[in-house]
Amino acid sequence: MGPKAGPANRRALIAAAREVFHDEGFGAPLSAVAKRAGVGQGSLYRHFPDRMALAVAVFDENLAQAEERMDAPDATLDAFFDVISAQALGSTAMIEAIASHRDDERAVVLSTRLGRIVEHLREREVAAGRVAAHVTADDIVVGVSMLGLVVAQAPEADRERVSAQARAILHAAFAAS
């Protein structure tokens, strides 16, 4: 074990948090996260001093995946909404946690990062004629936030349908004429 296990333990804790919070909600005991990750609670708290730090790490991974997908030259706003929707389906507890801690400095950093991803994508989409020129990056961020929250708050059996409905509404709202 020792220091060399640190990065592997961190990855295991993030993966475990994603699963435990999905299954049991954001209020699940952190001991359940450590147990699922196969590490002690001391290791958990060395990497993540509080519950919010763990949620931020999960979202950081989500944003990294979104950045990677949106860096592709053929990435579209619809594809971005698909990525966000898929992440929301698996991370509903974290969406609610981040939304309820918007003023937390760590959540602000994530929001700024999301804004940069969206601005880059918006510029490309407007230039391609797929998004109306009057649509701002802030409009898209609000749309992404609404998508995440509506999916997170829908009954689990309805989440896929609600996600598809919300994506269709956003597509229509942002489309160039």
Protein backbone atom coordinates (compact mmCIF):
# COMPACT_ATOMS: atom_id res chain seq x y z
CA MET A 1 0.00 0.00 0.00
CA GLY A 2 1.59 3.28 1.09
CA PRO A 3 1.90 6.45 -1.00
CA LYS A 4 1.92 4.54 -4.28
CA ALA A 5 -1.64 3.38 -3.59
CA GLY A 6 -2.88 6.98 -3.28
CA PRO A 7 -3.93 7.60 -6.90
CA ALA A 8 -5.59 4.17 -7.19
CA ASN A 9 -7.41 4.71 -3.90
CA ARG A 10 -8.62 8.12 -5.07
CA ARG A 11 -9.99 6.66 -8.32
CA ALA A 12 -11.64 3.81 -6.39
CA LEU A 13 -13.23 6.26 -3.96
CA ILE A 14 -14.65 8.41 -6.76
CA ALA A 15 -16.09 5.36 -8.53
CA ALA A 16 -17.51 4.06 -5.25
CA ALA A 17 -19.04 7.46 -4.40
CA ARG A 18 -20.74 7.57 -7.78
CA GLU A 19 -22.30 4.16 -7.12
CA VAL A 20 -23.15 4.61 -3.43
CA PHE A 21 -24.67 8.06 -3.89
CA HIS A 22 -26.66 6.79 -6.88
CA ASP A 23 -27.97 3.81 -4.90
CA GLU A 24 -28.45 5.42 -1.47
CA GLY A 25 -28.54 9.18 -2.09
CA PHE A 26 -26.10 11.93 -1.21
CA GLY A 27 -26.67 11.41 2.51
CA ALA A 28 -25.35 7.83 2.39
CA PRO A 29 -22.73 7.08 5.03
CA LEU A 30 -19.22 7.87 3.84
CA SER A 31 -18.18 4.60 5.46
CA ALA A 32 -20.20 2.85 2.73
CA VAL A 33 -18.13 4.68 0.10
CA ALA A 34 -14.87 3.63 1.76
CA LYS A 35 -16.08 0.05 2.10
CA ARG A 36 -17.18 -0.17 -1.54
CA ALA A 37 -13.83 1.30 -2.62
CA GLY A 38 -12.00 -1.28 -0.51
CA VAL A 39 -10.15 1.34 1.54
CA GLY A 40 -10.25 2.52 5.13
CA GLN A 41 -12.05 5.64 6.24
CA GLY A 42 -8.69 7.30 6.94
CA SER A 43 -7.84 6.99 3.26
CA LEU A 44 -11.22 8.45 2.33
CA TYR A 45 -10.69 11.51 4.52
CA ARG A 46 -7.08 11.99 3.34
CA HIS A 47 -8.39 12.38 -0.20
CA PHE A 48 -11.73 14.01 0.55
CA PRO A 49 -12.03 15.97 3.78
CA ASP A 50 -15.79 16.30 3.44
CA ARG A 51 -18.78 15.05 1.49
CA MET A 52 -18.78 18.06 -0.83
CA ALA A 53 -15.15 17.40 -1.81
CA LEU A 54 -16.21 13.92 -2.91
CA ALA A 55 -19.15 15.27 -4.93
CA VAL A 56 -16.86 17.82 -6.58
CA ALA A 57 -14.43 15.04 -7.55
CA VAL A 58 -17.24 13.09 -9.20
CA PHE A 59 -18.35 16.21 -11.09
CA ASP A 60 -14.77 16.97 -12.04
CA GLU A 61 -14.63 13.55 -13.71
CA ASN A 62 -17.94 14.24 -15.44
CA LEU A 63 -16.62 17.53 -16.78
CA ALA A 64 -13.41 15.90 -17.96
CA GLN A 65 -15.47 13.36 -19.92
CA ALA A 66 -17.62 16.14 -21.38
CA GLU A 67 -14.53 18.16 -22.34
CA GLU A 68 -13.02 15.15 -24.06
CA ARG A 69 -16.20 14.44 -26.02
CA MET A 70 -16.77 18.08 -26.93
CA ASP A 71 -13.19 18.52 -28.19
CA ALA A 72 -14.07 16.33 -31.15
CA PRO A 73 -14.49 18.53 -34.24
CA ASP A 74 -17.90 17.01 -35.00
CA ALA A 75 -19.29 17.48 -31.46
CA THR A 76 -22.65 19.23 -31.39
CA LEU A 77 -24.81 20.88 -28.78
CA ASP A 78 -27.24 17.96 -29.05
CA ALA A 79 -24.35 15.59 -28.31
CA PHE A 80 -23.44 17.74 -25.31
CA PHE A 81 -26.99 17.52 -24.00
CA ASP A 82 -26.82 13.74 -24.50
CA VAL A 83 -23.60 13.58 -22.43
CA ILE A 84 -25.06 15.74 -19.68
CA SER A 85 -28.26 13.73 -19.67
CA ALA A 86 -26.40 10.41 -19.41
CA GLN A 87 -24.33 11.77 -16.56
CA ALA A 88 -27.43 13.11 -14.84
CA LEU A 89 -29.10 9.70 -15.06
CA GLY A 90 -26.20 8.21 -13.09
CA SER A 91 -25.38 11.12 -10.79
CA THR A 92 -28.71 12.51 -9.62
CA ALA A 93 -27.67 12.77 -5.97
CA MET A 94 -24.54 14.71 -6.87
CA ILE A 95 -26.48 17.13 -9.08
CA GLU A 96 -28.76 17.95 -6.19
CA ALA A 97 -25.76 18.32 -3.85
CA ILE A 98 -23.88 20.69 -6.15
CA ALA A 99 -27.05 22.67 -6.88
CA SER A 100 -27.70 23.13 -3.17
CA HIS A 101 -24.11 24.35 -2.60
CA ARG A 102 -23.80 26.79 -5.54
CA ASP A 103 -21.91 29.35 -3.47
CA ASP A 104 -19.29 26.86 -2.33
CA GLU A 105 -15.96 27.88 -3.89
CA ARG A 106 -15.48 24.36 -5.27
CA ALA A 107 -18.87 24.46 -7.02
CA VAL A 108 -18.04 27.88 -8.47
CA VAL A 109 -14.86 26.44 -10.01
CA LEU A 110 -16.91 23.66 -11.63
CA SER A 111 -19.43 26.19 -12.91
CA THR A 112 -16.67 28.30 -14.46
CA ARG A 113 -15.21 25.23 -16.13
CA LEU A 114 -18.62 24.26 -17.49
CA GLY A 115 -19.01 27.80 -18.85
CA ARG A 116 -15.75 27.50 -20.79
CA ILE A 117 -16.82 24.19 -22.34
CA VAL A 118 -20.18 25.67 -23.31
CA GLU A 119 -18.72 28.88 -24.76
CA HIS A 120 -16.36 26.92 -27.02
CA LEU A 121 -19.19 24.66 -28.16
CA ARG A 122 -21.59 27.59 -28.67
CA GLU A 123 -19.14 29.42 -30.91
CA ARG A 124 -18.68 26.33 -33.06
CA GLU A 125 -22.43 25.64 -33.23
CA VAL A 126 -23.32 29.22 -34.18
CA ALA A 127 -20.63 29.19 -36.91
CA ALA A 128 -22.08 25.91 -38.25
CA GLY A 129 -25.59 27.40 -38.32
CA ARG A 130 -27.01 24.87 -35.85
CA VAL A 131 -27.55 27.32 -32.97
CA ALA A 132 -29.15 30.76 -33.24
CA ALA A 133 -26.70 33.65 -32.89
CA HIS A 134 -28.75 35.22 -30.08
CA VAL A 135 -28.24 32.15 -27.85
CA THR A 136 -25.59 32.92 -25.23
CA ALA A 137 -23.32 30.59 -23.31
CA ASP A 138 -25.30 31.55 -20.19
CA ASP A 139 -28.51 30.44 -21.93
CA ILE A 140 -26.95 27.04 -22.60
CA VAL A 141 -25.59 26.73 -19.05
CA VAL A 142 -29.08 27.44 -17.72
CA GLY A 143 -30.43 24.81 -20.12
CA VAL A 144 -27.84 22.28 -18.94
CA SER A 145 -28.70 23.06 -15.31
CA MET A 146 -32.41 22.64 -16.00
CA LEU A 147 -31.75 19.36 -17.81
CA GLY A 148 -29.68 17.99 -14.95
CA LEU A 149 -32.15 19.02 -12.27
CA VAL A 150 -35.28 17.87 -14.10
CA VAL A 151 -33.69 14.46 -14.65
CA ALA A 152 -32.45 14.29 -11.06
CA GLN A 153 -35.87 15.17 -9.65
CA ALA A 154 -37.92 12.86 -11.87
CA PRO A 155 -39.00 9.50 -10.47
CA GLU A 156 -36.38 6.93 -11.48
CA ALA A 157 -38.81 5.11 -13.79
CA ASP A 158 -39.48 8.35 -15.72
CA ARG A 159 -35.93 9.74 -15.96
CA GLU A 160 -35.12 8.54 -19.47
CA ARG A 161 -38.41 9.86 -20.86
CA VAL A 162 -38.05 13.18 -19.04
CA SER A 163 -34.45 13.46 -20.25
CA ALA A 164 -35.48 12.92 -23.89
CA GLN A 165 -38.31 15.43 -23.53
CA ALA A 166 -36.04 18.06 -21.98
CA ARG A 167 -33.36 17.56 -24.65
CA ALA A 168 -35.99 18.00 -27.40
CA ILE A 169 -37.21 21.23 -25.81
CA LEU A 170 -33.66 22.59 -25.53
CA HIS A 171 -32.87 21.61 -29.09
CA ALA A 172 -35.92 23.49 -30.33
CA ALA A 173 -35.22 26.51 -28.14
CA PHE A 174 -31.62 26.93 -29.29
CA ALA A 175 -31.92 25.92 -32.96
CA ALA A 176 -31.13 28.40 -35.68
CA SER A 177 -34.19 29.25 -37.74
